[in-house]
Structures are given as C-alpha cells and as structure tokens.
C-alpha cells in the first residue's frame, strides 16, 4: 500500500545522484510533467525507464555507456559543465526546472526531488537548503518542493502556504530561515497549534502526529521544512525482535525500561 496515495501529482520530477530509496512511482511520467536529471541521477531513469527531457551536469558520475542508455524524450537537451565549478549539479538544475514550470502567475505546482538525500551528509544538507537561496526562493513561492525519500517526504514551504498531512503520519515542522509564523496546525492532530510561532533552531515543532483524518499545516509567514512519514517508518526495530532496538541487546528488562524513559 502506498503511504502517500492521493497526494498531488508533481509537475516536474528532478532526479539527483543520491541513493535510490525505492519510491513508489508510476511506470511512466504522468502526462504533462517534465523529467530532469542532474548527472548521475540519470541512472535512476535507466532503472525506471522514464525518458529524460533535460540532463545537466559535469558527467563525472555518468559514464558514456550509461549516458547512451538513458531514455530520452523528444526534444531532449544535454547541458554539460566543467568538473571544476562553484555549483553542485543540483544548483545548476534547479532554476532550469523552475523555468519549465511556466511564467509568473501560473497555477501552483509540485516539484519532486528524488535521490537528493542520503549517502553524504554535506550533499543532503546542501540539497535541502538550496531552494531557499536568494536567487530563486521567490520564484517558487506557492509551489510545493517535495524531497521524496522512500516512505518519507520533506517539504519546503514558504508562507503564505498550506500543506495537507495525510492520516496516521508522524510529522515535524522546522523553521528554515529564521522564525516562522503565524502557523496553524489543525485537524485530527495530537498537538494542534493556533496562530503560533516557531523559533529557528529550537525543537517545539518536532514529532507531531496526525490521526486517521489527517491534518492541515497553514504557514502565514516565514519558511518551513516539514518532514512527514508513516508512523511505523520512524521506528528502527532490531531484526531479532521487532519491538526491541539493537542497542538494547544484553540489557535486562528493568534496564531497558529505564533507558527508554530517559
């Protein structure tokens, strides 16, 4: 069962060179969407069989043999850059993706980023922060930038903006550019918030839960990173005991209970 069934269909799909998280995707790109890859992210398209509209990068992570295997849509474009440069391949790709969404005044769209997390901490953090860069953060205001990571989604929100949280999810709100608010968190939710504010760097917004009916996050001003996943996906059980974490091996029951309460 897809934990994100019913979510909006992305208008643009951006594939980066990070680990493939096994996201549930259709067999072909949805009609009307555009598919773009940064360098080695094109290898994911080979696996999927999705044709690329645009491939950007220095091609240090994609051999000529692999490049030949990349499915290519009609009108395919390849933009190459030198290896020694001041930008990551994602930074080169992101504004080009925004260009393909359409002119100012268009309808809001979702941009899906896949392969952007995991592997290297520096690259993962750089990828998450990049949409907030001054040259283009106003260009995607109202759009939904969503990093796909298996059964998790990480959304970039810029107020005023709303995000629907599905049922039975664990989610966290993290201000990304200073304090964020006012914020409303309403619906079937463990910890509602009305006209609240979250301070940058503090953890008040971490670990909220939606019930079966879901919740709505309304950001009126500021910027948020919202992490959403099925409740079960945030548990990391030990293979030998589904309810016992691996670090608990060798602990007696009383010791385990004491540690879990800390």
Protein backbone atom coordinates (compact mmCIF):
# COMPACT_ATOMS: atom_id res chain seq x y z
CA UNK A 1 0.00 0.00 0.00
CA UNK A 2 1.32 3.43 -0.96
CA UNK A 3 1.50 5.58 2.23
CA UNK A 4 1.19 8.73 0.09
CA UNK A 5 -1.62 7.64 -2.20
CA UNK A 6 -3.75 10.58 -3.28
CA UNK A 7 -1.03 13.22 -2.95
CA UNK A 8 -0.71 15.87 -5.69
CA UNK A 9 0.98 14.81 -8.92
CA UNK A 10 4.30 16.62 -9.49
CA UNK A 11 4.64 18.89 -12.49
CA UNK A 12 8.41 18.44 -12.50
CA UNK A 13 10.49 15.40 -11.48
CA UNK A 14 14.13 16.09 -10.56
CA UNK A 15 16.46 13.10 -10.21
CA UNK A 16 19.74 13.53 -8.32
CA UNK A 17 22.64 11.15 -7.78
CA UNK A 18 21.81 10.17 -4.19
CA UNK A 19 20.77 6.68 -3.08
CA UNK A 20 17.60 5.33 -4.64
CA UNK A 21 15.06 5.00 -1.83
CA UNK A 22 12.61 2.74 -3.65
CA UNK A 23 9.89 5.35 -4.03
CA UNK A 24 6.63 4.04 -5.46
CA UNK A 25 6.38 5.67 -8.87
CA UNK A 26 4.19 5.06 -11.90
CA UNK A 27 5.60 3.08 -14.82
CA UNK A 28 5.77 6.26 -16.92
CA UNK A 29 5.88 10.01 -16.13
CA UNK A 30 2.39 11.49 -15.66
CA UNK A 31 1.07 13.34 -18.68
CA UNK A 32 2.08 16.97 -18.79
CA UNK A 33 5.05 16.60 -16.43
CA UNK A 34 8.71 17.21 -17.18
CA UNK A 35 11.60 14.91 -16.18
CA UNK A 36 15.03 16.34 -15.43
CA UNK A 37 18.21 14.76 -14.10
CA UNK A 38 21.44 16.03 -12.61
CA UNK A 39 24.42 13.97 -13.72
CA UNK A 40 24.32 10.50 -12.08
CA UNK A 41 20.64 10.98 -11.29
CA UNK A 42 20.08 9.84 -14.87
CA UNK A 43 20.95 6.29 -13.75
CA UNK A 44 17.64 6.23 -11.85
CA UNK A 45 15.89 6.98 -15.13
CA UNK A 46 17.58 3.98 -16.73
CA UNK A 47 16.22 1.83 -13.90
CA UNK A 48 12.73 3.33 -14.20
CA UNK A 49 12.60 3.52 -17.97
CA UNK A 50 11.49 7.16 -17.77
CA UNK A 51 12.59 9.37 -20.67
CA UNK A 52 14.55 12.49 -19.72
CA UNK A 53 13.67 15.92 -21.05
CA UNK A 54 16.86 17.52 -19.73
CA UNK A 55 20.16 16.24 -18.33
CA UNK A 56 22.55 18.69 -16.65
CA UNK A 57 25.95 18.26 -15.06
CA UNK A 58 29.66 17.70 -15.44
CA UNK A 59 29.04 13.97 -16.13
CA UNK A 60 31.65 12.84 -13.62
CA UNK A 61 29.12 10.35 -12.21
CA UNK A 62 27.76 9.10 -15.52
CA UNK A 63 29.82 7.09 -17.98
CA UNK A 64 29.42 7.45 -21.71
CA UNK A 65 27.97 3.94 -21.79
CA UNK A 66 25.36 4.87 -19.19
CA UNK A 67 24.60 8.13 -21.00
CA UNK A 68 23.80 6.14 -24.12
CA UNK A 69 21.34 4.01 -22.13
CA UNK A 70 19.38 6.95 -20.69
CA UNK A 71 15.86 7.04 -22.23
CA UNK A 72 15.42 10.37 -23.96
CA UNK A 73 12.18 12.22 -24.66
CA UNK A 74 11.59 14.06 -27.95
CA UNK A 75 13.41 17.38 -27.73
CA UNK A 76 15.88 16.03 -25.14
CA UNK A 77 18.59 18.51 -24.09
CA UNK A 78 22.03 17.83 -22.61
CA UNK A 79 23.84 20.69 -20.85
CA UNK A 80 27.39 19.89 -19.77
CA UNK A 81 29.65 21.88 -17.45
CA UNK A 82 33.29 21.58 -16.37
CA UNK A 83 34.01 19.43 -13.35
CA UNK A 84 35.77 22.28 -11.53
CA UNK A 85 32.97 24.73 -10.81
CA UNK A 86 31.37 26.61 -7.91
CA UNK A 87 27.95 24.89 -8.04
CA UNK A 88 26.65 21.41 -7.45
CA UNK A 89 24.80 19.79 -10.32
CA UNK A 90 21.53 20.29 -8.40
CA UNK A 91 22.17 24.03 -8.20
CA UNK A 92 22.59 24.07 -11.97
CA UNK A 93 19.41 22.06 -12.48
CA UNK A 94 17.00 23.70 -10.01
CA UNK A 95 16.48 27.10 -11.73
CA UNK A 96 16.06 25.33 -15.07
CA UNK A 97 13.31 23.24 -13.50
CA UNK A 98 11.57 26.40 -12.30
CA UNK A 99 11.78 27.80 -15.84
CA UNK A 100 9.84 24.77 -17.09
CA UNK A 101 7.00 25.28 -14.64
CA UNK A 102 5.82 28.30 -16.55
CA UNK A 103 5.72 32.11 -16.25
CA UNK A 104 4.80 34.09 -13.11
CA UNK A 105 1.10 33.96 -12.31
CA UNK A 106 0.75 30.30 -13.27
CA UNK A 107 -1.00 27.77 -11.07
CA UNK A 108 0.96 26.38 -8.12
CA UNK A 109 2.82 23.14 -8.85
CA UNK A 110 4.64 20.38 -7.03
CA UNK A 111 8.33 19.76 -7.76
CA UNK A 112 9.50 16.29 -6.73
CA UNK A 113 13.19 15.80 -5.92
CA UNK A 114 14.38 12.18 -5.86
CA UNK A 115 17.82 10.88 -4.94
CA UNK A 116 18.55 14.12 -3.08
CA UNK A 117 19.01 12.63 0.39
CA UNK A 118 21.25 10.02 1.96
CA UNK A 119 24.78 8.96 1.16
CA UNK A 120 26.68 12.13 2.09
CA UNK A 121 25.52 14.47 4.85
CA UNK A 122 27.07 17.51 3.16
CA UNK A 123 25.23 16.88 -0.09
CA UNK A 124 21.93 16.09 1.64
CA UNK A 125 22.03 19.30 3.69
CA UNK A 126 23.12 21.37 0.69
CA UNK A 127 20.23 19.94 -1.35
CA UNK A 128 17.67 20.72 1.36
CA UNK A 129 18.91 24.29 1.79
CA UNK A 130 19.28 25.09 -1.90
CA UNK A 131 15.62 26.01 -2.62
CA UNK A 132 15.91 28.82 -0.05
CA UNK A 133 18.79 30.53 -1.87
CA UNK A 134 18.15 34.20 -2.62
CA UNK A 135 18.32 33.96 -6.45
CA UNK A 136 15.15 31.85 -6.71
CA UNK A 137 13.29 31.42 -3.43
CA UNK A 138 10.68 33.97 -4.50
CA UNK A 139 10.25 32.22 -7.85
CA UNK A 140 8.75 29.07 -6.32
CA UNK A 141 6.62 30.78 -3.65
CA UNK A 142 3.30 28.99 -3.65
CA UNK A 143 4.81 25.89 -5.24
CA UNK A 144 5.50 22.75 -3.25
CA UNK A 145 9.09 21.48 -3.28
CA UNK A 146 8.97 17.87 -2.08
CA UNK A 147 12.01 15.68 -1.47
CA UNK A 148 10.98 12.04 -1.90
CA UNK A 149 12.79 9.62 0.40
CA UNK A 150 11.06 6.25 0.31
CA UNK A 151 8.14 6.43 2.73
CA UNK A 152 9.06 9.93 3.85
CA UNK A 153 8.51 13.32 2.27
CA UNK A 154 10.38 16.50 3.13
CA UNK A 155 8.51 19.62 2.02
CA UNK A 156 9.78 23.18 1.62
CA UNK A 157 7.06 25.71 2.45
CA UNK A 158 7.15 29.48 2.02
CA UNK A 159 4.30 31.45 3.56
CA UNK A 160 1.53 32.01 2.92
CA UNK A 161 1.08 28.32 2.11
CA UNK A 162 -0.87 25.26 3.26
CA UNK A 163 0.11 21.60 3.38
CA UNK A 164 -2.28 18.71 3.86
CA UNK A 165 -0.87 15.95 6.09
CA UNK A 166 -2.34 12.51 5.42
CA UNK A 167 -3.78 10.23 8.04
CA UNK A 168 -1.65 8.38 10.59
CA UNK A 169 1.57 10.29 9.91
CA UNK A 170 4.41 11.47 12.10
CA UNK A 171 5.49 14.97 11.10
CA UNK A 172 7.82 17.74 12.21
CA UNK A 173 7.97 21.47 11.44
CA UNK A 174 11.44 23.04 11.24
CA UNK A 175 11.90 26.77 10.52
CA UNK A 176 14.47 27.17 7.77
CA UNK A 177 15.17 30.92 7.52
CA UNK A 178 14.74 32.38 10.97
CA UNK A 179 11.48 32.27 12.95
CA UNK A 180 8.31 31.09 11.21
CA UNK A 181 4.73 32.09 11.91
CA UNK A 182 1.95 32.61 12.47
CA UNK A 183 1.31 28.87 11.96
CA UNK A 184 -1.88 26.88 12.39
CA UNK A 185 -1.84 23.09 12.78
CA UNK A 186 -5.42 21.88 12.78
CA UNK A 187 -7.50 18.77 12.14
CA UNK A 188 -7.04 15.28 13.53
CA UNK A 189 -3.73 16.03 15.21
CA UNK A 190 -2.06 15.21 18.54
CA UNK A 191 -0.69 18.72 19.14
CA UNK A 192 -2.76 21.47 17.49
CA UNK A 193 -1.38 24.94 17.10
CA UNK A 194 -3.32 28.18 16.58
CA UNK A 195 -1.60 31.33 15.43
CA UNK A 196 1.66 30.02 16.84
CA UNK A 197 5.28 30.81 16.08
CA UNK A 198 8.32 28.57 15.89
CA UNK A 199 11.79 29.85 16.72
CA UNK A 200 14.66 28.94 14.44
CA UNK A 201 16.88 26.20 15.90
CA UNK A 202 14.50 25.16 18.69
CA UNK A 203 12.57 21.89 18.68
CA UNK A 204 8.99 22.77 19.56
CA UNK A 205 7.77 21.65 16.13
CA UNK A 206 9.39 18.20 16.22
CA UNK A 207 7.32 14.98 16.44
CA UNK A 208 3.65 15.70 15.96
CA UNK A 209 1.14 13.04 14.87
CA UNK A 210 -1.91 13.05 12.66
CA UNK A 211 -4.85 10.74 13.27
CA UNK A 212 -6.78 8.84 10.60
CA UNK A 213 -8.47 12.01 9.28
CA UNK A 214 -5.21 13.88 8.68
CA UNK A 215 -4.22 17.45 9.46
CA UNK A 216 -3.58 20.82 7.80
CA UNK A 217 -0.48 22.96 8.32
CA UNK A 218 -1.09 26.63 7.45
CA UNK A 219 2.01 28.83 7.30
CA UNK A 220 1.16 32.51 7.08
CA UNK A 221 4.67 33.95 7.08
CA UNK A 222 8.20 32.63 7.04
CA UNK A 223 9.71 29.37 5.81
CA UNK A 224 9.37 25.77 6.98
CA UNK A 225 10.88 22.39 6.28
CA UNK A 226 8.18 19.82 7.01
CA UNK A 227 9.18 16.17 7.43
CA UNK A 228 6.32 13.67 7.01
CA UNK A 229 6.29 9.88 7.16
CA UNK A 230 4.17 6.94 8.26
CA UNK A 231 4.45 6.45 11.99
CA UNK A 232 5.93 2.98 11.57
CA UNK A 233 8.73 4.26 9.31
CA UNK A 234 10.30 6.19 12.18
CA UNK A 235 10.85 3.01 14.19
CA UNK A 236 14.13 1.21 13.61
CA UNK A 237 13.50 -2.25 15.13
CA UNK A 238 16.25 -4.82 15.63
CA UNK A 239 15.92 -7.74 13.23
CA UNK A 240 15.75 -10.24 16.08
CA UNK A 241 12.94 -8.54 17.99
CA UNK A 242 10.55 -6.14 16.20
CA UNK A 243 9.95 -4.17 19.39
CA UNK A 244 13.49 -4.10 20.76
CA UNK A 245 16.11 -1.68 19.37
CA UNK A 246 19.52 -3.13 18.51
CA UNK A 247 21.33 -1.08 21.15
CA UNK A 248 19.24 -2.84 23.83
CA UNK A 249 20.89 -6.24 23.28
CA UNK A 250 22.17 -7.58 26.59
CA UNK A 251 20.09 -5.26 28.77
CA UNK A 252 17.72 -6.72 31.32
CA UNK A 253 14.05 -5.73 31.16
CA UNK A 254 14.34 -3.25 34.05
CA UNK A 255 17.44 -1.63 32.49
CA UNK A 256 15.70 -1.36 29.12
CA UNK A 257 12.64 0.31 30.64
CA UNK A 258 14.84 2.80 32.48
CA UNK A 259 16.75 3.70 29.30
CA UNK A 260 13.58 4.14 27.26
CA UNK A 261 12.26 6.64 29.83
CA UNK A 262 15.30 8.91 29.52
